[in-house]
PDB file of N, CA and C in Angstrom:
ATOM      1  N   UNK A   1      -3.630 -14.784  -3.054  1.00  0.00           N
ATOM      2  CA  UNK A   1      -3.245 -13.406  -3.563  1.00  0.00           C
ATOM      3  C   UNK A   1      -3.559 -13.206  -5.006  1.00  0.00           C
ATOM      4  N   UNK A   2      -3.965 -12.198  -5.272  1.00  0.00           N
ATOM      5  CA  UNK A   2      -4.537 -12.029  -6.813  1.00  0.00           C
ATOM      6  C   UNK A   2      -3.220 -12.048  -7.573  1.00  0.00           C
ATOM      7  N   UNK A   3      -3.350 -12.221  -8.750  1.00  0.00           N
ATOM      8  CA  UNK A   3      -2.131 -12.237  -9.766  1.00  0.00           C
ATOM      9  C   UNK A   3      -1.688 -10.568  -9.856  1.00  0.00           C
ATOM     10  N   UNK A   4      -2.506  -9.813  -9.989  1.00  0.00           N
ATOM     11  CA  UNK A   4      -2.111  -8.397 -10.175  1.00  0.00           C
ATOM     12  C   UNK A   4      -1.377  -7.980  -8.940  1.00  0.00           C
ATOM     13  N   UNK A   5      -1.748  -8.308  -7.796  1.00  0.00           N
ATOM     14  CA  UNK A   5      -1.101  -7.848  -6.464  1.00  0.00           C
ATOM     15  C   UNK A   5       0.315  -8.669  -6.377  1.00  0.00           C
ATOM     16  N   UNK A   6       0.304  -9.921  -6.734  1.00  0.00           N
ATOM     17  CA  UNK A   6       1.714 -10.618  -6.920  1.00  0.00           C
ATOM     18  C   UNK A   6       2.572  -9.954  -7.842  1.00  0.00           C
ATOM     19  N   UNK A   7       2.002  -9.730  -8.934  1.00  0.00           N
ATOM     20  CA  UNK A   7       2.954  -9.076  -9.985  1.00  0.00           C
ATOM     21  C   UNK A   7       3.659  -7.630  -9.631  1.00  0.00           C
ATOM     22  N   UNK A   8       2.641  -6.804  -8.918  1.00  0.00           N
ATOM     23  CA  UNK A   8       3.113  -5.538  -8.317  1.00  0.00           C
ATOM     24  C   UNK A   8       4.085  -5.759  -7.237  1.00  0.00           C
ATOM     25  N   UNK A   9       3.944  -6.785  -6.259  1.00  0.00           N
ATOM     26  CA  UNK A   9       4.838  -7.053  -5.298  1.00  0.00           C
ATOM     27  C   UNK A   9       6.048  -7.589  -5.716  1.00  0.00           C
ATOM     28  N   UNK A  10       6.203  -8.283  -6.875  1.00  0.00           N
ATOM     29  CA  UNK A  10       7.271  -8.907  -7.445  1.00  0.00           C
ATOM     30  C   UNK A  10       8.188  -7.614  -8.108  1.00  0.00           C
ATOM     31  N   UNK A  11       7.602  -6.983  -8.898  1.00  0.00           N
ATOM     32  CA  UNK A  11       8.188  -5.660  -9.455  1.00  0.00           C
ATOM     33  C   UNK A  11       8.795  -4.852  -8.440  1.00  0.00           C
ATOM     34  N   UNK A  12       8.022  -4.606  -7.238  1.00  0.00           N
ATOM     35  CA  UNK A  12       8.419  -3.651  -6.166  1.00  0.00           C
ATOM     36  C   UNK A  12       9.710  -4.346  -5.641  1.00  0.00           C
ATOM     37  N   UNK A  13       9.843  -5.557  -5.337  1.00  0.00           N
ATOM     38  CA  UNK A  13      10.979  -6.114  -4.818  1.00  0.00           C
ATOM     39  C   UNK A  13      12.149  -6.305  -5.747  1.00  0.00           C
ATOM     40  N   UNK A  14      11.936  -6.174  -7.157  1.00  0.00           N
ATOM     41  CA  UNK A  14      13.009  -6.480  -7.953  1.00  0.00           C
ATOM     42  C   UNK A  14      13.427  -5.257  -8.813  1.00  0.00           C
ATOM     43  N   UNK A  15      12.817  -4.141  -8.712  1.00  0.00           N
ATOM     44  CA  UNK A  15      12.882  -2.959  -9.555  1.00  0.00           C
ATOM     45  C   UNK A  15      14.286  -2.277  -9.238  1.00  0.00           C
ATOM     46  N   UNK A  16      14.922  -1.756 -10.371  1.00  0.00           N
ATOM     47  CA  UNK A  16      16.266  -1.127 -10.027  1.00  0.00           C
ATOM     48  C   UNK A  16      15.846   0.268 -10.077  1.00  0.00           C
ATOM     49  N   UNK A  17      16.168   0.925  -8.760  1.00  0.00           N
ATOM     50  CA  UNK A  17      15.725   2.290  -8.513  1.00  0.00           C
ATOM     51  C   UNK A  17      14.815   2.453  -7.517  1.00  0.00           C
ATOM     52  N   UNK A  18      14.353   3.473  -7.029  1.00  0.00           N
ATOM     53  CA  UNK A  18      13.534   3.795  -5.908  1.00  0.00           C
ATOM     54  C   UNK A  18      12.078   3.619  -6.403  1.00  0.00           C
ATOM     55  N   UNK A  19      11.136   3.173  -5.596  1.00  0.00           N
ATOM     56  CA  UNK A  19       9.773   3.181  -5.912  1.00  0.00           C
ATOM     57  C   UNK A  19       9.063   3.236  -4.547  1.00  0.00           C
ATOM     58  N   UNK A  20       8.078   3.837  -4.698  1.00  0.00           N
ATOM     59  CA  UNK A  20       6.920   3.897  -3.468  1.00  0.00           C
ATOM     60  C   UNK A  20       5.468   3.658  -3.918  1.00  0.00           C
ATOM     61  N   UNK A  21       4.813   2.982  -3.129  1.00  0.00           N
ATOM     62  CA  UNK A  21       3.499   2.534  -3.467  1.00  0.00           C
ATOM     63  C   UNK A  21       2.549   2.714  -2.365  1.00  0.00           C
ATOM     64  N   UNK A  22       1.265   3.162  -2.439  1.00  0.00           N
ATOM     65  CA  UNK A  22       0.384   3.379  -1.380  1.00  0.00           C
ATOM     66  C   UNK A  22      -0.780   2.561  -1.752  1.00  0.00           C
ATOM     67  N   UNK A  23      -1.152   1.706  -0.659  1.00  0.00           N
ATOM     68  CA  UNK A  23      -2.212   0.738  -0.800  1.00  0.00           C
ATOM     69  C   UNK A  23      -3.143   0.631   0.366  1.00  0.00           C
ATOM     70  N   UNK A  24      -4.252   0.039   0.358  1.00  0.00           N
ATOM     71  CA  UNK A  24      -5.047  -0.193   1.632  1.00  0.00           C
ATOM     72  C   UNK A  24      -4.264  -1.038   2.445  1.00  0.00           C
ATOM     73  N   UNK A  25      -4.488  -0.860   3.755  1.00  0.00           N
ATOM     74  CA  UNK A  25      -3.777  -1.656   4.852  1.00  0.00           C
ATOM     75  C   UNK A  25      -4.569  -2.732   5.236  1.00  0.00           C
ATOM     76  N   UNK A  26      -4.286  -4.047   4.610  1.00  0.00           N
ATOM     77  CA  UNK A  26      -4.889  -5.223   4.790  1.00  0.00           C
ATOM     78  C   UNK A  26      -3.967  -6.391   5.022  1.00  0.00           C
ATOM     79  N   UNK A  27      -4.173  -7.366   5.684  1.00  0.00           N
ATOM     80  CA  UNK A  27      -3.401  -8.387   5.909  1.00  0.00           C
ATOM     81  C   UNK A  27      -2.582  -8.999   4.792  1.00  0.00           C
ATOM     82  N   UNK A  28      -3.430  -8.995   3.503  1.00  0.00           N
ATOM     83  CA  UNK A  28      -2.954  -9.587   2.356  1.00  0.00           C
ATOM     84  C   UNK A  28      -2.025  -8.688   1.668  1.00  0.00           C
ATOM     85  N   UNK A  29      -2.114  -7.440   1.839  1.00  0.00           N
ATOM     86  CA  UNK A  29      -1.093  -6.545   1.380  1.00  0.00           C
ATOM     87  C   UNK A  29       0.131  -6.510   2.144  1.00  0.00           C
ATOM     88  N   UNK A  30       0.050  -6.657   3.271  1.00  0.00           N
ATOM     89  CA  UNK A  30       1.317  -6.612   4.191  1.00  0.00           C
ATOM     90  C   UNK A  30       2.038  -8.061   3.925  1.00  0.00           C
ATOM     91  N   UNK A  31       1.230  -9.097   3.731  1.00  0.00           N
ATOM     92  CA  UNK A  31       1.928 -10.395   3.215  1.00  0.00           C
ATOM     93  C   UNK A  31       2.696 -10.260   1.808  1.00  0.00           C
ATOM     94  N   UNK A  32       1.892  -9.524   1.013  1.00  0.00           N
ATOM     95  CA  UNK A  32       2.449  -9.476  -0.356  1.00  0.00           C
ATOM     96  C   UNK A  32       3.651  -8.767  -0.390  1.00  0.00           C
ATOM     97  N   UNK A  33       3.798  -7.605   0.368  1.00  0.00           N
ATOM     98  CA  UNK A  33       5.012  -6.722   0.265  1.00  0.00           C
ATOM     99  C   UNK A  33       5.958  -6.963   1.522  1.00  0.00           C
ATOM    100  N   UNK A  34       5.899  -8.065   2.085  1.00  0.00           N
ATOM    101  CA  UNK A  34       6.807  -8.408   3.234  1.00  0.00           C
ATOM    102  C   UNK A  34       8.227  -8.280   2.658  1.00  0.00           C
ATOM    103  N   UNK A  35       9.125  -7.904   3.490  1.00  0.00           N
ATOM    104  CA  UNK A  35      10.480  -7.668   3.018  1.00  0.00           C
ATOM    105  C   UNK A  35      10.838  -6.210   2.532  1.00  0.00           C
ATOM    106  N   UNK A  36       9.841  -5.500   2.379  1.00  0.00           N
ATOM    107  CA  UNK A  36      10.058  -4.035   1.975  1.00  0.00           C
ATOM    108  C   UNK A  36       9.857  -3.243   3.018  1.00  0.00           C
ATOM    109  N   UNK A  37      10.129  -1.899   3.090  1.00  0.00           N
ATOM    110  CA  UNK A  37       9.933  -0.951   4.065  1.00  0.00           C
ATOM    111  C   UNK A  37       8.409  -0.623   4.043  1.00  0.00           C
ATOM    112  N   UNK A  38       7.672  -0.976   5.142  1.00  0.00           N
ATOM    113  CA  UNK A  38       6.170  -0.667   5.071  1.00  0.00           C
ATOM    114  C   UNK A  38       5.907   0.244   6.364  1.00  0.00           C
ATOM    115  N   UNK A  39       5.086   1.321   6.092  1.00  0.00           N
ATOM    116  CA  UNK A  39       4.737   2.258   7.126  1.00  0.00           C
ATOM    117  C   UNK A  39       3.197   2.395   7.026  1.00  0.00           C
ATOM    118  N   UNK A  40       2.679   2.191   8.107  1.00  0.00           N
ATOM    119  CA  UNK A  40       1.024   2.579   8.154  1.00  0.00           C
ATOM    120  C   UNK A  40       0.693   3.848   8.396  1.00  0.00           C
ATOM    121  N   UNK A  41      -0.119   4.434   7.637  1.00  0.00           N
ATOM    122  CA  UNK A  41      -0.631   5.839   7.893  1.00  0.00           C
ATOM    123  C   UNK A  41      -2.205   6.010   8.103  1.00  0.00           C
ATOM    124  N   UNK A  42      -2.607   6.462   9.039  1.00  0.00           N
ATOM    125  CA  UNK A  42      -4.140   6.750   9.319  1.00  0.00           C
ATOM    126  C   UNK A  42      -4.654   7.801   8.187  1.00  0.00           C
ATOM    127  N   UNK A  43      -5.671   7.592   7.639  1.00  0.00           N
ATOM    128  CA  UNK A  43      -6.108   8.449   6.712  1.00  0.00           C
ATOM    129  C   UNK A  43      -7.821   8.504   6.916  1.00  0.00           C
ATOM    130  N   UNK A  44      -8.346   9.578   6.352  1.00  0.00           N
ATOM    131  CA  UNK A  44      -9.878   9.602   6.287  1.00  0.00           C
ATOM    132  C   UNK A  44     -10.366   9.674   4.747  1.00  0.00           C
ATOM    133  N   UNK A  45     -11.132   8.811   4.405  1.00  0.00           N
ATOM    134  CA  UNK A  45     -11.464   8.811   2.975  1.00  0.00           C
ATOM    135  C   UNK A  45     -12.925   9.687   3.051  1.00  0.00           C
ATOM    136  N   UNK A  46     -12.939  10.618   1.969  1.00  0.00           N
ATOM    137  CA  UNK A  46     -14.158  11.397   1.732  1.00  0.00           C
ATOM    138  C   UNK A  46     -14.432  11.152   0.141  1.00  0.00           C
ATOM    139  N   UNK A  47     -15.809  11.423   0.074  1.00  0.00           N
ATOM    140  CA  UNK A  47     -16.223  11.399  -1.361  1.00  0.00           C
ATOM    141  C   UNK A  47     -16.879  12.792  -1.711  1.00  0.00           C
ATOM    142  N   UNK A  48     -16.544  13.452  -2.807  1.00  0.00           N
ATOM    143  CA  UNK A  48     -17.326  14.495  -3.287  1.00  0.00           C
ATOM    144  C   UNK A  48     -17.431  15.699  -2.233  1.00  0.00           C
ATOM    145  N   UNK A  49     -16.281  15.840  -1.644  1.00  0.00           N
ATOM    146  CA  UNK A  49     -16.161  17.046  -0.619  1.00  0.00           C
ATOM    147  C   UNK A  49     -16.945  16.753   0.538  1.00  0.00           C
ATOM    148  N   UNK A  50     -17.463  15.660   0.950  1.00  0.00           N
ATOM    149  CA  UNK A  50     -18.062  15.353   1.997  1.00  0.00           C
ATOM    150  C   UNK A  50     -17.518  15.949   3.397  1.00  0.00           C
ATOM    151  N   UNK A  51     -18.154  16.355   4.263  1.00  0.00           N
ATOM    152  CA  UNK A  51     -17.546  16.877   5.500  1.00  0.00           C
ATOM    153  C   UNK A  51     -17.064  15.794   6.524  1.00  0.00           C
ATOM    154  N   UNK A  52     -17.912  14.486   6.520  1.00  0.00           N
ATOM    155  CA  UNK A  52     -17.627  13.467   7.363  1.00  0.00           C
ATOM    156  C   UNK A  52     -17.048  12.185   6.393  1.00  0.00           C
ATOM    157  N   UNK A  53     -15.989  11.614   6.816  1.00  0.00           N
ATOM    158  CA  UNK A  53     -15.294  10.642   6.072  1.00  0.00           C
ATOM    159  C   UNK A  53     -15.147   9.461   6.868  1.00  0.00           C
ATOM    160  N   UNK A  54     -14.639   8.443   6.265  1.00  0.00           N
ATOM    161  CA  UNK A  54     -14.469   7.037   6.760  1.00  0.00           C
ATOM    162  C   UNK A  54     -12.891   6.896   7.235  1.00  0.00           C
ATOM    163  N   UNK A  55     -12.792   6.653   8.580  1.00  0.00           N
ATOM    164  CA  UNK A  55     -11.310   6.583   8.908  1.00  0.00           C
ATOM    165  C   UNK A  55     -10.824   5.117   8.578  1.00  0.00           C
ATOM    166  N   UNK A  56      -9.534   5.151   8.223  1.00  0.00           N
ATOM    167  CA  UNK A  56      -9.089   3.718   7.845  1.00  0.00           C
ATOM    168  C   UNK A  56      -7.443   3.938   7.756  1.00  0.00           C
ATOM    169  N   UNK A  57      -6.690   2.929   7.294  1.00  0.00           N
ATOM    170  CA  UNK A  57      -5.268   3.123   7.279  1.00  0.00           C
ATOM    171  C   UNK A  57      -4.881   2.657   5.893  1.00  0.00           C
ATOM    172  N   UNK A  58      -3.726   3.285   5.448  1.00  0.00           N
ATOM    173  CA  UNK A  58      -3.164   3.098   4.082  1.00  0.00           C
ATOM    174  C   UNK A  58      -1.679   2.568   4.420  1.00  0.00           C
ATOM    175  N   UNK A  59      -1.092   1.770   3.613  1.00  0.00           N
ATOM    176  CA  UNK A  59       0.204   1.407   3.669  1.00  0.00           C
ATOM    177  C   UNK A  59       1.083   2.272   2.782  1.00  0.00           C
ATOM    178  N   UNK A  60       2.194   2.643   3.164  1.00  0.00           N
ATOM    179  CA  UNK A  60       3.173   3.395   2.400  1.00  0.00           C
ATOM    180  C   UNK A  60       4.134   2.367   2.199  1.00  0.00           C
ATOM    181  N   UNK A  61       4.544   1.839   0.999  1.00  0.00           N
ATOM    182  CA  UNK A  61       5.608   0.814   0.840  1.00  0.00           C
ATOM    183  C   UNK A  61       6.683   1.503   0.027  1.00  0.00           C
ATOM    184  N   UNK A  62       7.773   1.208   0.445  1.00  0.00           N
ATOM    185  CA  UNK A  62       9.084   1.667  -0.325  1.00  0.00           C
ATOM    186  C   UNK A  62      10.320   0.730  -0.256  1.00  0.00           C
ATOM    187  N   UNK A  63      11.034   0.977  -1.346  1.00  0.00           N
ATOM    188  CA  UNK A  63      12.329  -0.091  -1.214  1.00  0.00           C
ATOM    189  C   UNK A  63      13.571   0.645  -0.853  1.00  0.00           C
ATOM    190  N   UNK A  64      13.439   1.680  -0.107  1.00  0.00           N
ATOM    191  CA  UNK A  64      14.639   2.093   0.464  1.00  0.00           C
ATOM    192  C   UNK A  64      14.524   2.517   1.986  1.00  0.00           C
TER     193      UNK A  64
END
């Protein structure tokens, strides 16, 4: 796990107050943020207004 990801995950787990983060749905992200509320959302990435995009998933992570 990268140090940036580890720092963000630790902050998310210890922050006082509500927080929400959106990140790519990867096994590493799921592992880093384990213990928090995680929801997978299907999305389509597009660049520059392109009509055809790339389908993928995003994780919406919150502490409530």
